[in-house]
Full PDB file with SEQRES, HELIX, SHEET, SSBOND, CRYST1, ORIGX, SCALE, CONECT and MASTER records, all heavy atoms in Angstrom:
SEQRES   1 A   30  LYS ASN THR VAL TYR LEU GLN MET ASN SER LEU LYS PRO          
SEQRES   2 A   30  GLU ASP THR ALA VAL TYR PHE CYS ALA THR GLY GLY TRP          
SEQRES   3 A   30  ARG SER SER LYS                                              
HELIX    1 AA1 PRO A   13  ASP A   15  5                                   3    
CRYST1    1.000    1.000    1.000  90.00  90.00  90.00 P 1           1          
ORIGX1      1.000000  0.000000  0.000000        0.00000                         
ORIGX2      0.000000  1.000000  0.000000        0.00000                         
ORIGX3      0.000000  0.000000  1.000000        0.00000                         
SCALE1      1.000000  0.000000  0.000000        0.00000                         
SCALE2      0.000000  1.000000  0.000000        0.00000                         
SCALE3      0.000000  0.000000  1.000000        0.00000                         
ATOM      1  N   LYS A   1    -312.277-192.793  -7.496  1.00  0.00           N  
ATOM      2  CA  LYS A   1    -311.669-192.274  -6.296  1.00  0.00           C  
ATOM      3  C   LYS A   1    -310.212-192.694  -6.146  1.00  0.00           C  
ATOM      4  O   LYS A   1    -309.553-192.331  -5.151  1.00  0.00           O  
ATOM      5  CB  LYS A   1    -312.417-192.777  -5.055  1.00  0.00           C  
ATOM      6  CG  LYS A   1    -313.871-192.303  -5.007  1.00  0.00           C  
ATOM      7  CD  LYS A   1    -314.569-192.831  -3.738  1.00  0.00           C  
ATOM      8  CE  LYS A   1    -315.987-192.367  -3.640  1.00  0.00           C  
ATOM      9  NZ  LYS A   1    -316.645-192.865  -2.434  1.00  0.00           N  
ATOM     10  N   ASN A   2    -309.664-193.404  -7.129  1.00  0.00           N  
ATOM     11  CA  ASN A   2    -308.290-193.898  -7.059  1.00  0.00           C  
ATOM     12  C   ASN A   2    -308.025-194.622  -5.757  1.00  0.00           C  
ATOM     13  O   ASN A   2    -307.047-194.440  -5.079  1.00  0.00           O  
ATOM     14  CB  ASN A   2    -307.277-192.758  -7.247  1.00  0.00           C  
ATOM     15  CG  ASN A   2    -307.206-192.266  -8.670  1.00  0.00           C  
ATOM     16  OD1 ASN A   2    -307.552-192.980  -9.609  1.00  0.00           O  
ATOM     17  ND2 ASN A   2    -306.732-191.044  -8.838  1.00  0.00           N  
ATOM     18  N   THR A   3    -309.005-195.484  -5.394  1.00  0.00           N  
ATOM     19  CA  THR A   3    -308.967-196.144  -4.087  1.00  0.00           C  
ATOM     20  C   THR A   3    -309.177-197.659  -4.277  1.00  0.00           C  
ATOM     21  O   THR A   3    -310.016-198.082  -5.071  1.00  0.00           O  
ATOM     22  CB  THR A   3    -310.036-195.576  -3.154  1.00  0.00           C  
ATOM     23  OG1 THR A   3    -309.781-194.191  -2.941  1.00  0.00           O  
ATOM     24  CG2 THR A   3    -310.018-196.293  -1.816  1.00  0.00           C  
ATOM     25  N   VAL A   4    -308.414-198.428  -3.520  1.00  0.00           N  
ATOM     26  CA  VAL A   4    -308.582-199.851  -3.466  1.00  0.00           C  
ATOM     27  C   VAL A   4    -308.967-200.247  -2.056  1.00  0.00           C  
ATOM     28  O   VAL A   4    -308.475-199.647  -1.084  1.00  0.00           O  
ATOM     29  CB  VAL A   4    -307.252-200.568  -3.878  1.00  0.00           C  
ATOM     30  CG1 VAL A   4    -307.366-202.094  -3.714  1.00  0.00           C  
ATOM     31  CG2 VAL A   4    -306.931-200.243  -5.351  1.00  0.00           C  
ATOM     32  N   TYR A   5    -309.806-201.257  -1.950  1.00  0.00           N  
ATOM     33  CA  TYR A   5    -310.295-201.714  -0.661  1.00  0.00           C  
ATOM     34  C   TYR A   5    -309.939-203.169  -0.406  1.00  0.00           C  
ATOM     35  O   TYR A   5    -309.781-203.953  -1.350  1.00  0.00           O  
ATOM     36  CB  TYR A   5    -311.815-201.557  -0.588  1.00  0.00           C  
ATOM     37  CG  TYR A   5    -312.300-200.178  -0.881  1.00  0.00           C  
ATOM     38  CD1 TYR A   5    -312.749-199.839  -2.153  1.00  0.00           C  
ATOM     39  CD2 TYR A   5    -312.338-199.211   0.099  1.00  0.00           C  
ATOM     40  CE1 TYR A   5    -313.179-198.557  -2.428  1.00  0.00           C  
ATOM     41  CE2 TYR A   5    -312.804-197.937  -0.158  1.00  0.00           C  
ATOM     42  CZ  TYR A   5    -313.238-197.618  -1.447  1.00  0.00           C  
ATOM     43  OH  TYR A   5    -313.693-196.351  -1.700  1.00  0.00           O  
ATOM     44  N   LEU A   6    -309.848-203.507   0.848  1.00  0.00           N  
ATOM     45  CA  LEU A   6    -309.715-204.893   1.246  1.00  0.00           C  
ATOM     46  C   LEU A   6    -310.716-205.179   2.347  1.00  0.00           C  
ATOM     47  O   LEU A   6    -310.560-204.710   3.456  1.00  0.00           O  
ATOM     48  CB  LEU A   6    -308.280-205.182   1.755  1.00  0.00           C  
ATOM     49  CG  LEU A   6    -307.981-206.648   2.078  1.00  0.00           C  
ATOM     50  CD1 LEU A   6    -308.027-207.490   0.792  1.00  0.00           C  
ATOM     51  CD2 LEU A   6    -306.673-206.813   2.823  1.00  0.00           C  
ATOM     52  N   GLN A   7    -311.786-205.887   1.992  1.00  0.00           N  
ATOM     53  CA  GLN A   7    -312.775-206.317   2.944  1.00  0.00           C  
ATOM     54  C   GLN A   7    -312.356-207.586   3.588  1.00  0.00           C  
ATOM     55  O   GLN A   7    -312.113-208.598   2.897  1.00  0.00           O  
ATOM     56  CB  GLN A   7    -314.128-206.497   2.233  1.00  0.00           C  
ATOM     57  CG  GLN A   7    -315.245-206.969   3.175  1.00  0.00           C  
ATOM     58  CD  GLN A   7    -315.641-205.952   4.185  1.00  0.00           C  
ATOM     59  OE1 GLN A   7    -315.799-204.779   3.848  1.00  0.00           O  
ATOM     60  NE2 GLN A   7    -315.778-206.329   5.436  1.00  0.00           N  
ATOM     61  N   MET A   8    -312.220-207.562   4.878  1.00  0.00           N  
ATOM     62  CA  MET A   8    -311.697-208.683   5.652  1.00  0.00           C  
ATOM     63  C   MET A   8    -312.782-209.187   6.570  1.00  0.00           C  
ATOM     64  O   MET A   8    -313.216-208.501   7.494  1.00  0.00           O  
ATOM     65  CB  MET A   8    -310.441-208.314   6.455  1.00  0.00           C  
ATOM     66  CG  MET A   8    -309.344-207.691   5.603  1.00  0.00           C  
ATOM     67  SD  MET A   8    -307.841-207.388   6.547  1.00  0.00           S  
ATOM     68  CE  MET A   8    -308.435-206.123   7.666  1.00  0.00           C  
ATOM     69  N   ASN A   9    -313.267-210.409   6.344  1.00  0.00           N  
ATOM     70  CA  ASN A   9    -314.274-211.034   7.154  1.00  0.00           C  
ATOM     71  C   ASN A   9    -313.718-212.223   7.904  1.00  0.00           C  
ATOM     72  O   ASN A   9    -312.673-212.756   7.539  1.00  0.00           O  
ATOM     73  CB  ASN A   9    -315.429-211.498   6.265  1.00  0.00           C  
ATOM     74  CG  ASN A   9    -316.152-210.336   5.558  1.00  0.00           C  
ATOM     75  OD1 ASN A   9    -316.236-209.232   6.064  1.00  0.00           O  
ATOM     76  ND2 ASN A   9    -316.699-210.625   4.385  1.00  0.00           N  
ATOM     77  N   SER A  10    -314.419-212.672   8.907  1.00  0.00           N  
ATOM     78  CA  SER A  10    -314.008-213.827   9.717  1.00  0.00           C  
ATOM     79  C   SER A  10    -312.574-213.713  10.123  1.00  0.00           C  
ATOM     80  O   SER A  10    -311.771-214.686   9.958  1.00  0.00           O  
ATOM     81  CB  SER A  10    -314.272-215.110   8.898  1.00  0.00           C  
ATOM     82  OG  SER A  10    -315.641-215.233   8.561  1.00  0.00           O  
ATOM     83  N   LEU A  11    -312.203-212.603  10.653  1.00  0.00           N  
ATOM     84  CA  LEU A  11    -310.756-212.393  11.022  1.00  0.00           C  
ATOM     85  C   LEU A  11    -310.321-213.349  12.101  1.00  0.00           C  
ATOM     86  O   LEU A  11    -311.073-213.725  13.000  1.00  0.00           O  
ATOM     87  CB  LEU A  11    -310.610-210.950  11.477  1.00  0.00           C  
ATOM     88  CG  LEU A  11    -310.552-209.935  10.309  1.00  0.00           C  
ATOM     89  CD1 LEU A  11    -310.776-208.520  10.853  1.00  0.00           C  
ATOM     90  CD2 LEU A  11    -309.230-210.018   9.584  1.00  0.00           C  
ATOM     91  N   LYS A  12    -309.073-213.740  11.985  1.00  0.00           N  
ATOM     92  CA  LYS A  12    -308.442-214.675  12.914  1.00  0.00           C  
ATOM     93  C   LYS A  12    -307.244-213.983  13.572  1.00  0.00           C  
ATOM     94  O   LYS A  12    -306.673-213.037  12.996  1.00  0.00           O  
ATOM     95  CB  LYS A  12    -307.958-215.927  12.170  1.00  0.00           C  
ATOM     96  CG  LYS A  12    -309.050-216.631  11.390  1.00  0.00           C  
ATOM     97  CD  LYS A  12    -308.441-217.781  10.581  1.00  0.00           C  
ATOM     98  CE  LYS A  12    -309.498-218.500   9.799  1.00  0.00           C  
ATOM     99  NZ  LYS A  12    -308.913-219.590   8.987  1.00  0.00           N  
ATOM    100  N   PRO A  13    -306.840-214.428  14.752  1.00  0.00           N  
ATOM    101  CA  PRO A  13    -305.641-213.859  15.375  1.00  0.00           C  
ATOM    102  C   PRO A  13    -304.427-213.883  14.453  1.00  0.00           C  
ATOM    103  O   PRO A  13    -303.577-212.963  14.512  1.00  0.00           O  
ATOM    104  CB  PRO A  13    -305.452-214.739  16.600  1.00  0.00           C  
ATOM    105  CG  PRO A  13    -306.831-215.191  16.969  1.00  0.00           C  
ATOM    106  CD  PRO A  13    -307.522-215.411  15.655  1.00  0.00           C  
ATOM    107  N   GLU A  14    -304.275-214.896  13.613  1.00  0.00           N  
ATOM    108  CA  GLU A  14    -303.146-214.987  12.741  1.00  0.00           C  
ATOM    109  C   GLU A  14    -303.202-213.957  11.597  1.00  0.00           C  
ATOM    110  O   GLU A  14    -302.213-213.821  10.862  1.00  0.00           O  
ATOM    111  CB  GLU A  14    -302.986-216.392  12.154  1.00  0.00           C  
ATOM    112  CG  GLU A  14    -304.264-216.923  11.518  1.00  0.00           C  
ATOM    113  CD  GLU A  14    -305.027-217.853  12.516  1.00  0.00           C  
ATOM    114  OE1 GLU A  14    -305.174-217.504  13.694  1.00  0.00           O  
ATOM    115  OE2 GLU A  14    -305.461-218.927  12.048  1.00  0.00           O  
ATOM    116  N   ASP A  15    -304.300-213.210  11.484  1.00  0.00           N  
ATOM    117  CA  ASP A  15    -304.360-212.114  10.519  1.00  0.00           C  
ATOM    118  C   ASP A  15    -303.718-210.853  11.078  1.00  0.00           C  
ATOM    119  O   ASP A  15    -303.592-209.841  10.367  1.00  0.00           O  
ATOM    120  CB  ASP A  15    -305.805-211.819  10.150  1.00  0.00           C  
ATOM    121  CG  ASP A  15    -306.463-212.951   9.390  1.00  0.00           C  
ATOM    122  OD1 ASP A  15    -305.826-213.522   8.495  1.00  0.00           O  
ATOM    123  OD2 ASP A  15    -307.629-213.269   9.691  1.00  0.00           O  
ATOM    124  N   THR A  16    -303.365-210.829  12.347  1.00  0.00           N  
ATOM    125  CA  THR A  16    -302.735-209.685  12.963  1.00  0.00           C  
ATOM    126  C   THR A  16    -301.452-209.319  12.262  1.00  0.00           C  
ATOM    127  O   THR A  16    -300.539-210.180  12.123  1.00  0.00           O  
ATOM    128  CB  THR A  16    -302.474-209.958  14.469  1.00  0.00           C  
ATOM    129  OG1 THR A  16    -303.727-210.112  15.123  1.00  0.00           O  
ATOM    130  CG2 THR A  16    -301.741-208.791  15.099  1.00  0.00           C  
ATOM    131  N   ALA A  17    -301.350-208.099  11.770  1.00  0.00           N  
ATOM    132  CA  ALA A  17    -300.155-207.658  11.026  1.00  0.00           C  
ATOM    133  C   ALA A  17    -300.361-206.202  10.671  1.00  0.00           C  
ATOM    134  O   ALA A  17    -301.418-205.609  10.813  1.00  0.00           O  
ATOM    135  CB  ALA A  17    -300.050-208.507   9.729  1.00  0.00           C  
ATOM    136  N   VAL A  18    -299.273-205.618  10.152  1.00  0.00           N  
ATOM    137  CA  VAL A  18    -299.342-204.340   9.489  1.00  0.00           C  
ATOM    138  C   VAL A  18    -299.680-204.610   8.026  1.00  0.00           C  
ATOM    139  O   VAL A  18    -298.967-205.387   7.366  1.00  0.00           O  
ATOM    140  CB  VAL A  18    -298.034-203.520   9.594  1.00  0.00           C  
ATOM    141  CG1 VAL A  18    -298.153-202.224   8.815  1.00  0.00           C  
ATOM    142  CG2 VAL A  18    -297.759-203.247  11.061  1.00  0.00           C  
ATOM    143  N   TYR A  19    -300.707-204.011   7.516  1.00  0.00           N  
ATOM    144  CA  TYR A  19    -301.185-204.187   6.154  1.00  0.00           C  
ATOM    145  C   TYR A  19    -300.686-203.042   5.283  1.00  0.00           C  
ATOM    146  O   TYR A  19    -300.940-201.874   5.618  1.00  0.00           O  
ATOM    147  CB  TYR A  19    -302.670-204.356   6.091  1.00  0.00           C  
ATOM    148  CG  TYR A  19    -303.134-205.700   6.546  1.00  0.00           C  
ATOM    149  CD1 TYR A  19    -303.100-206.052   7.908  1.00  0.00           C  
ATOM    150  CD2 TYR A  19    -303.604-206.645   5.626  1.00  0.00           C  
ATOM    151  CE1 TYR A  19    -303.490-207.327   8.313  1.00  0.00           C  
ATOM    152  CE2 TYR A  19    -304.007-207.916   6.077  1.00  0.00           C  
ATOM    153  CZ  TYR A  19    -303.983-208.205   7.375  1.00  0.00           C  
ATOM    154  OH  TYR A  19    -304.406-209.467   7.810  1.00  0.00           O  
ATOM    155  N   PHE A  20    -300.072-203.376   4.160  1.00  0.00           N  
ATOM    156  CA  PHE A  20    -299.546-202.400   3.232  1.00  0.00           C  
ATOM    157  C   PHE A  20    -300.202-202.532   1.854  1.00  0.00           C  
ATOM    158  O   PHE A  20    -300.477-203.626   1.413  1.00  0.00           O  
ATOM    159  CB  PHE A  20    -298.029-202.582   3.011  1.00  0.00           C  
ATOM    160  CG  PHE A  20    -297.188-202.469   4.233  1.00  0.00           C  
ATOM    161  CD1 PHE A  20    -296.932-203.547   5.018  1.00  0.00           C  
ATOM    162  CD2 PHE A  20    -296.660-201.267   4.594  1.00  0.00           C  
ATOM    163  CE1 PHE A  20    -296.152-203.511   6.143  1.00  0.00           C  
ATOM    164  CE2 PHE A  20    -295.854-201.108   5.715  1.00  0.00           C  
ATOM    165  CZ  PHE A  20    -295.619-202.278   6.489  1.00  0.00           C  
ATOM    166  N   CYS A  21    -300.517-201.406   1.245  1.00  0.00           N  
ATOM    167  CA  CYS A  21    -300.879-201.468  -0.180  1.00  0.00           C  
ATOM    168  C   CYS A  21    -299.700-201.072  -1.000  1.00  0.00           C  
ATOM    169  O   CYS A  21    -298.776-200.362  -0.562  1.00  0.00           O  
ATOM    170  CB  CYS A  21    -302.109-200.589  -0.497  1.00  0.00           C  
ATOM    171  SG  CYS A  21    -301.862-198.821  -0.263  1.00  0.00           S  
ATOM    172  N   ALA A  22    -299.677-201.569  -2.258  1.00  0.00           N  
ATOM    173  CA  ALA A  22    -298.540-201.378  -3.124  1.00  0.00           C  
ATOM    174  C   ALA A  22    -298.978-201.292  -4.578  1.00  0.00           C  
ATOM    175  O   ALA A  22    -299.996-201.886  -4.936  1.00  0.00           O  
ATOM    176  CB  ALA A  22    -297.510-202.486  -2.913  1.00  0.00           C  
ATOM    177  N   THR A  23    -298.201-200.616  -5.370  1.00  0.00           N  
ATOM    178  CA  THR A  23    -298.457-200.560  -6.819  1.00  0.00           C  
ATOM    179  C   THR A  23    -297.150-200.322  -7.535  1.00  0.00           C  
ATOM    180  O   THR A  23    -296.141-199.992  -6.927  1.00  0.00           O  
ATOM    181  CB  THR A  23    -299.479-199.449  -7.164  1.00  0.00           C  
ATOM    182  OG1 THR A  23    -299.902-199.576  -8.517  1.00  0.00           O  
ATOM    183  CG2 THR A  23    -298.890-198.086  -6.950  1.00  0.00           C  
ATOM    184  N   GLY A  24    -297.151-200.439  -8.861  1.00  0.00           N  
ATOM    185  CA  GLY A  24    -295.950-200.215  -9.591  1.00  0.00           C  
ATOM    186  C   GLY A  24    -296.016-200.346 -11.091  1.00  0.00           C  
ATOM    187  O   GLY A  24    -295.092-200.020 -11.802  1.00  0.00           O  
ATOM    188  N   GLY A  25    -297.150-200.798 -11.585  1.00  0.00           N  
ATOM    189  CA  GLY A  25    -297.333-200.962 -13.023  1.00  0.00           C  
ATOM    190  C   GLY A  25    -298.476-201.820 -13.366  1.00  0.00           C  
ATOM    191  O   GLY A  25    -299.500-201.914 -12.646  1.00  0.00           O  
ATOM    192  N   TRP A  26    -298.356-202.550 -14.487  1.00  0.00           N  
ATOM    193  CA  TRP A  26    -299.418-203.329 -15.031  1.00  0.00           C  
ATOM    194  C   TRP A  26    -299.238-204.825 -14.835  1.00  0.00           C  
ATOM    195  O   TRP A  26    -300.106-205.631 -15.211  1.00  0.00           O  
ATOM    196  CB  TRP A  26    -299.598-203.031 -16.534  1.00  0.00           C  
ATOM    197  CG  TRP A  26    -299.990-201.649 -16.809  1.00  0.00           C  
ATOM    198  CD1 TRP A  26    -301.236-201.137 -16.883  1.00  0.00           C  
ATOM    199  CD2 TRP A  26    -299.110-200.550 -17.082  1.00  0.00           C  
ATOM    200  NE1 TRP A  26    -301.223-199.783 -17.181  1.00  0.00           N  
ATOM    201  CE2 TRP A  26    -299.893-199.428 -17.308  1.00  0.00           C  
ATOM    202  CE3 TRP A  26    -297.716-200.430 -17.155  1.00  0.00           C  
ATOM    203  CZ2 TRP A  26    -299.364-198.147 -17.578  1.00  0.00           C  
ATOM    204  CZ3 TRP A  26    -297.180-199.182 -17.457  1.00  0.00           C  
ATOM    205  CH2 TRP A  26    -298.027-198.075 -17.673  1.00  0.00           C  
ATOM    206  N   ARG A  27    -298.131-205.250 -14.248  1.00  0.00           N  
ATOM    207  CA  ARG A  27    -297.849-206.649 -14.085  1.00  0.00           C  
ATOM    208  C   ARG A  27    -298.444-207.189 -12.802  1.00  0.00           C  
ATOM    209  O   ARG A  27    -298.219-206.630 -11.717  1.00  0.00           O  
ATOM    210  CB  ARG A  27    -296.344-206.891 -14.086  1.00  0.00           C  
ATOM    211  CG  ARG A  27    -295.937-208.358 -13.911  1.00  0.00           C  
ATOM    212  CD  ARG A  27    -294.422-208.538 -13.938  1.00  0.00           C  
ATOM    213  NE  ARG A  27    -293.875-208.186 -15.245  1.00  0.00           N  
ATOM    214  CZ  ARG A  27    -292.616-208.191 -15.535  1.00  0.00           C  
ATOM    215  NH1 ARG A  27    -291.702-208.510 -14.610  1.00  0.00           N  
ATOM    216  NH2 ARG A  27    -292.204-207.844 -16.762  1.00  0.00           N  
ATOM    217  N   SER A  28    -299.179-208.285 -12.905  1.00  0.00           N  
ATOM    218  CA  SER A  28    -299.734-208.936 -11.706  1.00  0.00           C  
ATOM    219  C   SER A  28    -298.676-209.867 -11.138  1.00  0.00           C  
ATOM    220  O   SER A  28    -298.198-210.769 -11.817  1.00  0.00           O  
ATOM    221  CB  SER A  28    -300.974-209.750 -12.107  1.00  0.00           C  
ATOM    222  OG  SER A  28    -302.014-208.900 -12.510  1.00  0.00           O  
ATOM    223  N   SER A  29    -298.369-209.674  -9.865  1.00  0.00           N  
ATOM    224  CA  SER A  29    -297.324-210.471  -9.235  1.00  0.00           C  
ATOM    225  C   SER A  29    -297.561-210.572  -7.754  1.00  0.00           C  
ATOM    226  O   SER A  29    -298.027-209.617  -7.125  1.00  0.00           O  
ATOM    227  CB  SER A  29    -295.958-209.872  -9.485  1.00  0.00           C  
ATOM    228  OG  SER A  29    -294.945-210.575  -8.817  1.00  0.00           O  
ATOM    229  N   LYS A  30    -297.241-211.726  -7.189  1.00  0.00           N  
ATOM    230  CA  LYS A  30    -297.292-211.952  -5.749  1.00  0.00           C  
ATOM    231  C   LYS A  30    -295.946-211.625  -5.083  1.00  0.00           C  
ATOM    232  O   LYS A  30    -295.830-211.710  -3.870  1.00  0.00           O  
ATOM    233  CB  LYS A  30    -297.677-213.366  -5.437  1.00  0.00           C  
ATOM    234  CG  LYS A  30    -299.050-213.777  -5.972  1.00  0.00           C  
ATOM    235  CD  LYS A  30    -299.349-215.247  -5.638  1.00  0.00           C  
ATOM    236  CE  LYS A  30    -300.695-215.652  -6.169  1.00  0.00           C  
ATOM    237  NZ  LYS A  30    -300.994-217.067  -5.854  1.00  0.00           N  
TER     238      LYS A  30                                                      
MASTER        0    0    0    1    0    0    0    6  237    1    0    3          
END                                                                             
């Protein structure tokens, strides 16, 4: 499906944010 998921459990108020997905190649980077 060309789809990535993020399952978020035990959510906290500090998790409040705009969440973005990103891609760009084969390199794993933070």
